[in-house]
Amino acid sequence: KAVRPELAGDPEFRYRFVQEVANARRIRGLYTAEVVDAGPDAP
């Protein structure tokens, strides 16, 4: 999933995105589609 440019330029979105990615990466389960990688600080 690649974020829209207008969201990528929003500091509030970036802050929340980093938090949500960190939360999601902790989730492990056979009945979830796990997060395998992320670039929250990428352009």
PDB file of all heavy atoms in Angstrom:
ATOM      1  N   LYS A   1       0.841  -1.197   0.000  1.00  0.00           N
ATOM      2  CA  LYS A   1       0.000   0.000   0.000  1.00  0.00           C
ATOM      3  C   LYS A   1       0.871   1.240   0.000  1.00  0.00           C
ATOM      4  O   LYS A   1       1.705   1.408   0.891  1.00  0.00           O
ATOM      5  CB  LYS A   1      -0.908  -0.007   1.219  1.00  0.00           C
ATOM      6  CG  LYS A   1      -1.735  -1.265   1.309  1.00  0.00           C
ATOM      7  CD  LYS A   1      -2.086  -1.630   2.726  1.00  0.00           C
ATOM      8  CE  LYS A   1      -2.484  -3.082   2.841  1.00  0.00           C
ATOM      9  NZ  LYS A   1      -1.399  -4.024   2.506  1.00  0.00           N
ATOM     10  N   ALA A   2       0.701   2.085  -0.997  1.00  0.00           N
ATOM     11  CA  ALA A   2       1.473   3.322  -1.113  1.00  0.00           C
ATOM     12  C   ALA A   2       0.550   4.507  -0.848  1.00  0.00           C
ATOM     13  O   ALA A   2      -0.537   4.607  -1.411  1.00  0.00           O
ATOM     14  CB  ALA A   2       2.088   3.434  -2.507  1.00  0.00           C
ATOM     15  N   VAL A   3       0.996   5.416  -0.002  1.00  0.00           N
ATOM     16  CA  VAL A   3       0.176   6.526   0.465  1.00  0.00           C
ATOM     17  C   VAL A   3       0.092   7.627  -0.599  1.00  0.00           C
ATOM     18  O   VAL A   3       1.047   7.886  -1.330  1.00  0.00           O
ATOM     19  CB  VAL A   3       0.781   7.080   1.772  1.00  0.00           C
ATOM     20  CG1 VAL A   3       0.121   8.380   2.196  1.00  0.00           C
ATOM     21  CG2 VAL A   3       0.658   6.037   2.881  1.00  0.00           C
ATOM     22  N   ARG A   4      -1.058   8.268  -0.669  1.00  0.00           N
ATOM     23  CA  ARG A   4      -1.255   9.391  -1.588  1.00  0.00           C
ATOM     24  C   ARG A   4      -0.306  10.526  -1.256  1.00  0.00           C
ATOM     25  O   ARG A   4      -0.009  10.793  -0.085  1.00  0.00           O
ATOM     26  CB  ARG A   4      -2.697   9.920  -1.503  1.00  0.00           C
ATOM     27  CG  ARG A   4      -3.759   8.947  -1.891  1.00  0.00           C
ATOM     28  CD  ARG A   4      -5.087   9.664  -2.193  1.00  0.00           C
ATOM     29  NE  ARG A   4      -5.329  10.843  -1.389  1.00  0.00           N
ATOM     30  CZ  ARG A   4      -6.150  10.881  -0.342  1.00  0.00           C
ATOM     31  NH1 ARG A   4      -6.755   9.782   0.059  1.00  0.00           N
ATOM     32  NH2 ARG A   4      -6.341  12.001   0.304  1.00  0.00           N
ATOM     33  N   PRO A   5       0.181  11.273  -2.277  1.00  0.00           N
ATOM     34  CA  PRO A   5       1.145  12.368  -2.030  1.00  0.00           C
ATOM     35  C   PRO A   5       0.625  13.411  -1.059  1.00  0.00           C
ATOM     36  O   PRO A   5       1.388  13.920  -0.221  1.00  0.00           O
ATOM     37  CB  PRO A   5       1.360  12.957  -3.430  1.00  0.00           C
ATOM     38  CG  PRO A   5       1.069  11.839  -4.362  1.00  0.00           C
ATOM     39  CD  PRO A   5      -0.031  11.046  -3.719  1.00  0.00           C
ATOM     40  N   GLU A   6      -0.657  13.774  -1.144  1.00  0.00           N
ATOM     41  CA  GLU A   6      -1.169  14.819  -0.255  1.00  0.00           C
ATOM     42  C   GLU A   6      -1.164  14.381   1.200  1.00  0.00           C
ATOM     43  O   GLU A   6      -0.981  15.191   2.111  1.00  0.00           O
ATOM     44  CB  GLU A   6      -2.567  15.280  -0.679  1.00  0.00           C
ATOM     45  CG  GLU A   6      -3.617  14.186  -0.718  1.00  0.00           C
ATOM     46  CD  GLU A   6      -3.737  13.517  -2.076  1.00  0.00           C
ATOM     47  OE1 GLU A   6      -2.705  13.386  -2.776  1.00  0.00           O
ATOM     48  OE2 GLU A   6      -4.859  13.122  -2.430  1.00  0.00           O
ATOM     49  N   LEU A   7      -1.365  13.069   1.448  1.00  0.00           N
ATOM     50  CA  LEU A   7      -1.260  12.566   2.811  1.00  0.00           C
ATOM     51  C   LEU A   7       0.189  12.485   3.249  1.00  0.00           C
ATOM     52  O   LEU A   7       0.522  12.773   4.400  1.00  0.00           O
ATOM     53  CB  LEU A   7      -1.918  11.192   2.915  1.00  0.00           C
ATOM     54  CG  LEU A   7      -3.444  11.157   2.872  1.00  0.00           C
ATOM     55  CD1 LEU A   7      -3.946   9.723   2.834  1.00  0.00           C
ATOM     56  CD2 LEU A   7      -4.040  11.888   4.067  1.00  0.00           C
ATOM     57  N   ALA A   8       1.051  12.076   2.322  1.00  0.00           N
ATOM     58  CA  ALA A   8       2.475  11.967   2.654  1.00  0.00           C
ATOM     59  C   ALA A   8       3.044  13.299   3.105  1.00  0.00           C
ATOM     60  O   ALA A   8       3.994  13.349   3.891  1.00  0.00           O
ATOM     61  CB  ALA A   8       3.247  11.445   1.445  1.00  0.00           C
ATOM     62  N   GLY A   9       2.464  14.400   2.623  1.00  0.00           N
ATOM     63  CA  GLY A   9       2.949  15.719   3.003  1.00  0.00           C
ATOM     64  C   GLY A   9       2.295  16.291   4.243  1.00  0.00           C
ATOM     65  O   GLY A   9       2.595  17.426   4.625  1.00  0.00           O
ATOM     66  N   ASP A  10       1.427  15.532   4.890  1.00  0.00           N
ATOM     67  CA  ASP A  10       0.729  16.004   6.079  1.00  0.00           C
ATOM     68  C   ASP A  10       1.445  15.500   7.329  1.00  0.00           C
ATOM     69  O   ASP A  10       1.466  14.293   7.586  1.00  0.00           O
ATOM     70  CB  ASP A  10      -0.715  15.499   6.058  1.00  0.00           C
ATOM     71  CG  ASP A  10      -1.564  16.105   7.166  1.00  0.00           C
ATOM     72  OD1 ASP A  10      -1.149  16.028   8.344  1.00  0.00           O
ATOM     73  OD2 ASP A  10      -2.647  16.629   6.860  1.00  0.00           O
ATOM     74  N   PRO A  11       2.030  16.384   8.138  1.00  0.00           N
ATOM     75  CA  PRO A  11       2.779  15.938   9.323  1.00  0.00           C
ATOM     76  C   PRO A  11       1.923  15.131  10.301  1.00  0.00           C
ATOM     77  O   PRO A  11       2.409  14.173  10.908  1.00  0.00           O
ATOM     78  CB  PRO A  11       3.265  17.246   9.967  1.00  0.00           C
ATOM     79  CG  PRO A  11       3.249  18.242   8.850  1.00  0.00           C
ATOM     80  CD  PRO A  11       2.098  17.840   7.967  1.00  0.00           C
ATOM     81  N   GLU A  12       0.644  15.502  10.458  1.00  0.00           N
ATOM     82  CA  GLU A  12      -0.228  14.771  11.373  1.00  0.00           C
ATOM     83  C   GLU A  12      -0.440  13.346  10.876  1.00  0.00           C
ATOM     84  O   GLU A  12      -0.412  12.388  11.659  1.00  0.00           O
ATOM     85  CB  GLU A  12      -1.576  15.489  11.494  1.00  0.00           C
ATOM     86  CG  GLU A  12      -2.611  14.760  12.338  1.00  0.00           C
ATOM     87  CD  GLU A  12      -2.261  14.700  13.816  1.00  0.00           C
ATOM     88  OE1 GLU A  12      -1.317  15.402  14.238  1.00  0.00           O
ATOM     89  OE2 GLU A  12      -2.932  13.940  14.543  1.00  0.00           O
ATOM     90  N   PHE A  13      -0.646  13.203   9.565  1.00  0.00           N
ATOM     91  CA  PHE A  13      -0.801  11.860   9.017  1.00  0.00           C
ATOM     92  C   PHE A  13       0.467  11.042   9.248  1.00  0.00           C
ATOM     93  O   PHE A  13       0.396   9.884   9.663  1.00  0.00           O
ATOM     94  CB  PHE A  13      -1.101  11.896   7.515  1.00  0.00           C
ATOM     95  CG  PHE A  13      -0.981  10.540   6.881  1.00  0.00           C
ATOM     96  CD1 PHE A  13      -2.008   9.626   6.983  1.00  0.00           C
ATOM     97  CD2 PHE A  13       0.190  10.154   6.235  1.00  0.00           C
ATOM     98  CE1 PHE A  13      -1.886   8.347   6.440  1.00  0.00           C
ATOM     99  CE2 PHE A  13       0.318   8.892   5.687  1.00  0.00           C
ATOM    100  CZ  PHE A  13      -0.725   7.984   5.792  1.00  0.00           C
ATOM    101  N   ARG A  14       1.622  11.603   8.966  1.00  0.00           N
ATOM    102  CA  ARG A  14       2.876  10.845   9.130  1.00  0.00           C
ATOM    103  C   ARG A  14       3.053  10.388  10.566  1.00  0.00           C
ATOM    104  O   ARG A  14       3.472   9.252  10.818  1.00  0.00           O
ATOM    105  CB  ARG A  14       4.058  11.698   8.685  1.00  0.00           C
ATOM    106  CG  ARG A  14       4.251  11.717   7.172  1.00  0.00           C
ATOM    107  CD  ARG A  14       5.579  12.366   6.812  1.00  0.00           C
ATOM    108  NE  ARG A  14       5.872  12.199   5.407  1.00  0.00           N
ATOM    109  CZ  ARG A  14       6.529  11.171   4.884  1.00  0.00           C
ATOM    110  NH1 ARG A  14       6.951  10.202   5.684  1.00  0.00           N
ATOM    111  NH2 ARG A  14       6.766  11.095   3.601  1.00  0.00           N
ATOM    112  N   TYR A  15       2.741  11.250  11.512  1.00  0.00           N
ATOM    113  CA  TYR A  15       2.867  10.884  12.920  1.00  0.00           C
ATOM    114  C   TYR A  15       1.966   9.697  13.247  1.00  0.00           C
ATOM    115  O   TYR A  15       2.391   8.717  13.863  1.00  0.00           O
ATOM    116  CB  TYR A  15       2.513  12.091  13.792  1.00  0.00           C
ATOM    117  CG  TYR A  15       2.417  11.784  15.269  1.00  0.00           C
ATOM    118  CD1 TYR A  15       3.575  11.578  16.038  1.00  0.00           C
ATOM    119  CD2 TYR A  15       1.175  11.676  15.889  1.00  0.00           C
ATOM    120  CE1 TYR A  15       3.476  11.292  17.392  1.00  0.00           C
ATOM    121  CE2 TYR A  15       1.074  11.394  17.238  1.00  0.00           C
ATOM    122  CZ  TYR A  15       2.230  11.192  17.982  1.00  0.00           C
ATOM    123  OH  TYR A  15       2.134  10.896  19.327  1.00  0.00           O
ATOM    124  N   ARG A  16       0.713   9.784  12.794  1.00  0.00           N
ATOM    125  CA  ARG A  16      -0.230   8.709  13.081  1.00  0.00           C
ATOM    126  C   ARG A  16       0.124   7.439  12.320  1.00  0.00           C
ATOM    127  O   ARG A  16      -0.049   6.332  12.823  1.00  0.00           O
ATOM    128  CB  ARG A  16      -1.652   9.159  12.745  1.00  0.00           C
ATOM    129  CG  ARG A  16      -2.184  10.224  13.689  1.00  0.00           C
ATOM    130  CD  ARG A  16      -3.606  10.620  13.325  1.00  0.00           C
ATOM    131  NE  ARG A  16      -4.135  11.620  14.232  1.00  0.00           N
ATOM    132  CZ  ARG A  16      -4.731  11.360  15.397  1.00  0.00           C
ATOM    133  NH1 ARG A  16      -4.850  10.099  15.781  1.00  0.00           N
ATOM    134  NH2 ARG A  16      -5.188  12.319  16.154  1.00  0.00           N
ATOM    135  N   PHE A  17       0.602   7.581  11.108  1.00  0.00           N
ATOM    136  CA  PHE A  17       0.961   6.411  10.311  1.00  0.00           C
ATOM    137  C   PHE A  17       2.092   5.634  10.981  1.00  0.00           C
ATOM    138  O   PHE A  17       2.060   4.398  11.050  1.00  0.00           O
ATOM    139  CB  PHE A  17       1.377   6.849   8.912  1.00  0.00           C
ATOM    140  CG  PHE A  17       1.612   5.713   7.957  1.00  0.00           C
ATOM    141  CD1 PHE A  17       0.555   4.973   7.459  1.00  0.00           C
ATOM    142  CD2 PHE A  17       2.891   5.388   7.539  1.00  0.00           C
ATOM    143  CE1 PHE A  17       0.764   3.922   6.573  1.00  0.00           C
ATOM    144  CE2 PHE A  17       3.113   4.340   6.662  1.00  0.00           C
ATOM    145  CZ  PHE A  17       2.047   3.613   6.176  1.00  0.00           C
ATOM    146  N   VAL A  18       3.087   6.340  11.493  1.00  0.00           N
ATOM    147  CA  VAL A  18       4.190   5.677  12.199  1.00  0.00           C
ATOM    148  C   VAL A  18       3.651   4.903  13.400  1.00  0.00           C
ATOM    149  O   VAL A  18       4.041   3.756  13.658  1.00  0.00           O
ATOM    150  CB  VAL A  18       5.244   6.704  12.646  1.00  0.00           C
ATOM    151  CG1 VAL A  18       6.253   6.075  13.622  1.00  0.00           C
ATOM    152  CG2 VAL A  18       5.990   7.269  11.438  1.00  0.00           C
ATOM    153  N   GLN A  19       2.731   5.512  14.141  1.00  0.00           N
ATOM    154  CA  GLN A  19       2.151   4.838  15.305  1.00  0.00           C
ATOM    155  C   GLN A  19       1.366   3.591  14.899  1.00  0.00           C
ATOM    156  O   GLN A  19       1.502   2.531  15.517  1.00  0.00           O
ATOM    157  CB  GLN A  19       1.231   5.801  16.055  1.00  0.00           C
ATOM    158  CG  GLN A  19       1.959   6.900  16.820  1.00  0.00           C
ATOM    159  CD  GLN A  19       0.984   7.723  17.632  1.00  0.00           C
ATOM    160  OE1 GLN A  19      -0.067   8.135  17.141  1.00  0.00           O
ATOM    161  NE2 GLN A  19       1.315   7.958  18.891  1.00  0.00           N
ATOM    162  N   GLU A  20       0.526   3.728  13.872  1.00  0.00           N
ATOM    163  CA  GLU A  20      -0.303   2.609  13.451  1.00  0.00           C
ATOM    164  C   GLU A  20       0.532   1.464  12.897  1.00  0.00           C
ATOM    165  O   GLU A  20       0.233   0.290  13.132  1.00  0.00           O
ATOM    166  CB  GLU A  20      -1.330   3.071  12.409  1.00  0.00           C
ATOM    167  CG  GLU A  20      -2.338   4.096  12.908  1.00  0.00           C
ATOM    168  CD  GLU A  20      -3.332   3.537  13.903  1.00  0.00           C
ATOM    169  OE1 GLU A  20      -3.288   2.328  14.190  1.00  0.00           O
ATOM    170  OE2 GLU A  20      -4.160   4.314  14.402  1.00  0.00           O
ATOM    171  N   VAL A  21       1.586   1.788  12.155  1.00  0.00           N
ATOM    172  CA  VAL A  21       2.465   0.742  11.628  1.00  0.00           C
ATOM    173  C   VAL A  21       3.129  -0.007  12.782  1.00  0.00           C
ATOM    174  O   VAL A  21       3.217  -1.237  12.788  1.00  0.00           O
ATOM    175  CB  VAL A  21       3.519   1.336  10.678  1.00  0.00           C
ATOM    176  CG1 VAL A  21       4.616   0.319  10.381  1.00  0.00           C
ATOM    177  CG2 VAL A  21       2.866   1.779   9.374  1.00  0.00           C
ATOM    178  N   ALA A  22       3.609   0.745  13.780  1.00  0.00           N
ATOM    179  CA  ALA A  22       4.249   0.100  14.935  1.00  0.00           C
ATOM    180  C   ALA A  22       3.271  -0.831  15.652  1.00  0.00           C
ATOM    181  O   ALA A  22       3.643  -1.946  16.061  1.00  0.00           O
ATOM    182  CB  ALA A  22       4.772   1.168  15.896  1.00  0.00           C
ATOM    183  N   ASN A  23       2.020  -0.390  15.807  1.00  0.00           N
ATOM    184  CA  ASN A  23       1.014  -1.240  16.442  1.00  0.00           C
ATOM    185  C   ASN A  23       0.752  -2.493  15.616  1.00  0.00           C
ATOM    186  O   ASN A  23       0.705  -3.613  16.135  1.00  0.00           O
ATOM    187  CB  ASN A  23      -0.294  -0.461  16.614  1.00  0.00           C
ATOM    188  CG  ASN A  23      -0.208   0.606  17.686  1.00  0.00           C
ATOM    189  OD1 ASN A  23       0.646   0.541  18.578  1.00  0.00           O
ATOM    190  ND2 ASN A  23      -1.068   1.601  17.601  1.00  0.00           N
ATOM    191  N   ALA A  24       0.564  -2.293  14.308  1.00  0.00           N
ATOM    192  CA  ALA A  24       0.208  -3.423  13.448  1.00  0.00           C
ATOM    193  C   ALA A  24       1.329  -4.453  13.355  1.00  0.00           C
ATOM    194  O   ALA A  24       1.071  -5.649  13.226  1.00  0.00           O
ATOM    195  CB  ALA A  24      -0.151  -2.913  12.048  1.00  0.00           C
ATOM    196  N   ARG A  25       2.571  -4.015  13.429  1.00  0.00           N
ATOM    197  CA  ARG A  25       3.697  -4.942  13.298  1.00  0.00           C
ATOM    198  C   ARG A  25       3.795  -5.869  14.499  1.00  0.00           C
ATOM    199  O   ARG A  25       4.439  -6.912  14.428  1.00  0.00           O
ATOM    200  CB  ARG A  25       5.002  -4.176  13.097  1.00  0.00           C
ATOM    201  CG  ARG A  25       5.066  -3.444  11.784  1.00  0.00           C
ATOM    202  CD  ARG A  25       6.407  -2.794  11.538  1.00  0.00           C
ATOM    203  NE  ARG A  25       7.346  -3.742  10.955  1.00  0.00           N
ATOM    204  CZ  ARG A  25       8.377  -3.395  10.185  1.00  0.00           C
ATOM    205  NH1 ARG A  25       8.597  -2.134   9.904  1.00  0.00           N
ATOM    206  NH2 ARG A  25       9.179  -4.292   9.706  1.00  0.00           N
ATOM    207  N   ARG A  26       3.153  -5.519  15.606  1.00  0.00           N
ATOM    208  CA  ARG A  26       3.183  -6.391  16.784  1.00  0.00           C
ATOM    209  C   ARG A  26       2.199  -7.547  16.661  1.00  0.00           C
ATOM    210  O   ARG A  26       2.270  -8.499  17.431  1.00  0.00           O
ATOM    211  CB  ARG A  26       2.854  -5.586  18.047  1.00  0.00           C
ATOM    212  CG  ARG A  26       3.856  -4.504  18.389  1.00  0.00           C
ATOM    213  CD  ARG A  26       3.720  -4.102  19.857  1.00  0.00           C
ATOM    214  NE  ARG A  26       2.374  -3.676  20.187  1.00  0.00           N
ATOM    215  CZ  ARG A  26       1.955  -2.415  20.119  1.00  0.00           C
ATOM    216  NH1 ARG A  26       2.781  -1.470  19.701  1.00  0.00           N
ATOM    217  NH2 ARG A  26       0.721  -2.097  20.459  1.00  0.00           N
ATOM    218  N   ILE A  27       1.266  -7.451  15.729  1.00  0.00           N
ATOM    219  CA  ILE A  27       0.195  -8.435  15.639  1.00  0.00           C
ATOM    220  C   ILE A  27       0.670  -9.658  14.869  1.00  0.00           C
ATOM    221  O   ILE A  27       1.147  -9.561  13.743  1.00  0.00           O
ATOM    222  CB  ILE A  27      -1.049  -7.825  14.956  1.00  0.00           C
ATOM    223  CG1 ILE A  27      -1.584  -6.668  15.806  1.00  0.00           C
ATOM    224  CG2 ILE A  27      -2.120  -8.884  14.734  1.00  0.00           C
ATOM    225  CD1 ILE A  27      -2.646  -5.839  15.111  1.00  0.00           C
ATOM    226  N   ARG A  28       0.552 -10.823  15.489  1.00  0.00           N
ATOM    227  CA  ARG A  28       0.895 -12.087  14.855  1.00  0.00           C
ATOM    228  C   ARG A  28      -0.257 -13.050  15.069  1.00  0.00           C
ATOM    229  O   ARG A  28      -0.700 -13.252  16.189  1.00  0.00           O
ATOM    230  CB  ARG A  28       2.184 -12.676  15.467  1.00  0.00           C
ATOM    231  CG  ARG A  28       3.424 -11.824  15.260  1.00  0.00           C
ATOM    232  CD  ARG A  28       3.878 -11.882  13.796  1.00  0.00           C
ATOM    233  NE  ARG A  28       5.121 -11.148  13.593  1.00  0.00           N
ATOM    234  CZ  ARG A  28       5.186  -9.869  13.288  1.00  0.00           C
ATOM    235  NH1 ARG A  28       4.064  -9.158  13.203  1.00  0.00           N
ATOM    236  NH2 ARG A  28       6.339  -9.280  13.095  1.00  0.00           N
ATOM    237  N   GLY A  29      -0.755 -13.630  14.014  1.00  0.00           N
ATOM    238  CA  GLY A  29      -1.855 -14.568  14.172  1.00  0.00           C
ATOM    239  C   GLY A  29      -2.133 -15.298  12.874  1.00  0.00           C
ATOM    240  O   GLY A  29      -1.953 -14.751  11.787  1.00  0.00           O
ATOM    241  N   LEU A  30      -2.561 -16.552  12.983  1.00  0.00           N
ATOM    242  CA  LEU A  30      -2.837 -17.352  11.801  1.00  0.00           C
ATOM    243  C   LEU A  30      -4.032 -16.832  11.023  1.00  0.00           C
ATOM    244  O   LEU A  30      -4.177 -17.130   9.837  1.00  0.00           O
ATOM    245  CB  LEU A  30      -3.080 -18.809  12.209  1.00  0.00           C
ATOM    246  CG  LEU A  30      -1.887 -19.548  12.812  1.00  0.00           C
ATOM    247  CD1 LEU A  30      -2.307 -20.942  13.262  1.00  0.00           C
ATOM    248  CD2 LEU A  30      -0.748 -19.645  11.802  1.00  0.00           C
ATOM    249  N   TYR A  31      -4.899 -16.072  11.688  1.00  0.00           N
ATOM    250  CA  TYR A  31      -6.097 -15.582  11.016  1.00  0.00           C
ATOM    251  C   TYR A  31      -6.022 -14.082  10.734  1.00  0.00           C
ATOM    252  O   TYR A  31      -7.051 -13.414  10.621  1.00  0.00           O
ATOM    253  CB  TYR A  31      -7.337 -15.914  11.846  1.00  0.00           C
ATOM    254  CG  TYR A  31      -7.542 -17.401  12.003  1.00  0.00           C
ATOM    255  CD1 TYR A  31      -7.384 -18.027  13.230  1.00  0.00           C
ATOM    256  CD2 TYR A  31      -7.865 -18.193  10.898  1.00  0.00           C
ATOM    257  CE1 TYR A  31      -7.561 -19.392  13.372  1.00  0.00           C
ATOM    258  CE2 TYR A  31      -8.033 -19.560  11.028  1.00  0.00           C
ATOM    259  CZ  TYR A  31      -7.880 -20.151  12.260  1.00  0.00           C
ATOM    260  OH  TYR A  31      -8.040 -21.512  12.392  1.00  0.00           O
ATOM    261  N   THR A  32      -4.826 -13.554  10.599  1.00  0.00           N
ATOM    262  CA  THR A  32      -4.634 -12.172  10.185  1.00  0.00           C
ATOM    263  C   THR A  32      -3.682 -12.133   8.991  1.00  0.00           C
ATOM    264  O   THR A  32      -2.916 -13.067   8.773  1.00  0.00           O
ATOM    265  CB  THR A  32      -4.030 -11.315  11.317  1.00  0.00           C
ATOM    266  OG1 THR A  32      -2.715 -11.802  11.641  1.00  0.00           O
ATOM    267  CG2 THR A  32      -4.906 -11.332  12.563  1.00  0.00           C
ATOM    268  N   ALA A  33      -3.784 -11.052   8.221  1.00  0.00           N
ATOM    269  CA  ALA A  33      -2.825 -10.816   7.146  1.00  0.00           C
ATOM    270  C   ALA A  33      -1.735  -9.918   7.726  1.00  0.00           C
ATOM    271  O   ALA A  33      -1.911  -8.703   7.858  1.00  0.00           O
ATOM    272  CB  ALA A  33      -3.500 -10.153   5.945  1.00  0.00           C
ATOM    273  N   GLU A  34      -0.616 -10.510   8.097  1.00  0.00           N
ATOM    274  CA  GLU A  34       0.396  -9.806   8.885  1.00  0.00           C
ATOM    275  C   GLU A  34       1.153  -8.760   8.081  1.00  0.00           C
ATOM    276  O   GLU A  34       1.345  -8.888   6.874  1.00  0.00           O
ATOM    277  CB  GLU A  34       1.391 -10.815   9.459  1.00  0.00           C
ATOM    278  CG  GLU A  34       0.782 -11.773  10.461  1.00  0.00           C
ATOM    279  CD  GLU A  34       1.820 -12.709  11.053  1.00  0.00           C
ATOM    280  OE1 GLU A  34       3.008 -12.530  10.756  1.00  0.00           O
ATOM    281  OE2 GLU A  34       1.436 -13.615  11.803  1.00  0.00           O
ATOM    282  N   VAL A  35       1.581  -7.736   8.799  1.00  0.00           N
ATOM    283  CA  VAL A  35       2.483  -6.750   8.223  1.00  0.00           C
ATOM    284  C   VAL A  35       3.866  -7.390   8.102  1.00  0.00           C
ATOM    285  O   VAL A  35       4.388  -7.951   9.062  1.00  0.00           O
ATOM    286  CB  VAL A  35       2.556  -5.492   9.114  1.00  0.00           C
ATOM    287  CG1 VAL A  35       3.618  -4.531   8.601  1.00  0.00           C
ATOM    288  CG2 VAL A  35       1.195  -4.816   9.174  1.00  0.00           C
ATOM    289  N   VAL A  36       4.454  -7.323   6.908  1.00  0.00           N
ATOM    290  CA  VAL A  36       5.766  -7.926   6.701  1.00  0.00           C
ATOM    291  C   VAL A  36       6.871  -6.883   6.531  1.00  0.00           C
ATOM    292  O   VAL A  36       8.048  -7.185   6.736  1.00  0.00           O
ATOM    293  CB  VAL A  36       5.768  -8.881   5.492  1.00  0.00           C
ATOM    294  CG1 VAL A  36       4.827 -10.047   5.739  1.00  0.00           C
ATOM    295  CG2 VAL A  36       5.363  -8.164   4.204  1.00  0.00           C
ATOM    296  N   ASP A  37       6.516  -5.661   6.170  1.00  0.00           N
ATOM    297  CA  ASP A  37       7.530  -4.627   5.978  1.00  0.00           C
ATOM    298  C   ASP A  37       6.815  -3.285   5.853  1.00  0.00           C
ATOM    299  O   ASP A  37       5.607  -3.231   5.588  1.00  0.00           O
ATOM    300  CB  ASP A  37       8.358  -4.907   4.716  1.00  0.00           C
ATOM    301  CG  ASP A  37       9.711  -4.208   4.720  1.00  0.00           C
ATOM    302  OD1 ASP A  37      10.003  -3.469   5.688  1.00  0.00           O
ATOM    303  OD2 ASP A  37      10.474  -4.393   3.759  1.00  0.00           O
ATOM    304  N   ALA A  38       7.546  -2.217   6.052  1.00  0.00           N
ATOM    305  CA  ALA A  38       6.952  -0.882   5.941  1.00  0.00           C
ATOM    306  C   ALA A  38       8.044   0.153   5.758  1.00  0.00           C
ATOM    307  O   ALA A  38       9.190  -0.044   6.163  1.00  0.00           O
ATOM    308  CB  ALA A  38       6.119  -0.555   7.185  1.00  0.00           C
ATOM    309  N   GLY A  39       7.659   1.251   5.151  1.00  0.00           N
ATOM    310  CA  GLY A  39       8.543   2.406   5.011  1.00  0.00           C
ATOM    311  C   GLY A  39       7.817   3.652   5.475  1.00  0.00           C
ATOM    312  O   GLY A  39       7.480   4.521   4.654  1.00  0.00           O
ATOM    313  N   PRO A  40       7.553   3.786   6.768  1.00  0.00           N
ATOM    314  CA  PRO A  40       6.772   4.936   7.256  1.00  0.00           C
ATOM    315  C   PRO A  40       7.482   6.272   7.097  1.00  0.00           C
ATOM    316  O   PRO A  40       6.824   7.313   7.064  1.00  0.00           O
ATOM    317  CB  PRO A  40       6.537   4.599   8.735  1.00  0.00           C
ATOM    318  CG  PRO A  40       7.643   3.664   9.093  1.00  0.00           C
ATOM    319  CD  PRO A  40       7.922   2.869   7.858  1.00  0.00           C
ATOM    320  N   ASP A  41       8.811   6.253   6.982  1.00  0.00           N
ATOM    321  CA  ASP A  41       9.564   7.494   6.857  1.00  0.00           C
ATOM    322  C   ASP A  41      10.002   7.779   5.422  1.00  0.00           C
ATOM    323  O   ASP A  41      10.705   8.761   5.176  1.00  0.00           O
ATOM    324  CB  ASP A  41      10.805   7.440   7.760  1.00  0.00           C
ATOM    325  CG  ASP A  41      10.427   7.292   9.228  1.00  0.00           C
ATOM    326  OD1 ASP A  41       9.466   7.960   9.654  1.00  0.00           O
ATOM    327  OD2 ASP A  41      11.078   6.500   9.929  1.00  0.00           O
ATOM    328  N   ALA A  42       9.596   6.946   4.483  1.00  0.00           N
ATOM    329  CA  ALA A  42       9.961   7.150   3.087  1.00  0.00           C
ATOM    330  C   ALA A  42       9.251   8.383   2.531  1.00  0.00           C
ATOM    331  O   ALA A  42       8.231   8.819   3.069  1.00  0.00           O
ATOM    332  CB  ALA A  42       9.591   5.924   2.260  1.00  0.00           C
ATOM    333  N   PRO A  43       9.786   8.992   1.463  1.00  0.00           N
ATOM    334  CA  PRO A  43       9.094  10.138   0.852  1.00  0.00           C
ATOM    335  C   PRO A  43       7.625   9.819   0.537  1.00  0.00           C
ATOM    336  O   PRO A  43       6.746  10.648   0.745  1.00  0.00           O
ATOM    337  CB  PRO A  43       9.910  10.394  -0.417  1.00  0.00           C
ATOM    338  CG  PRO A  43      11.289   9.895  -0.084  1.00  0.00           C
ATOM    339  CD  PRO A  43      11.065   8.694   0.799  1.00  0.00           C
TER     340      PRO A  43
END
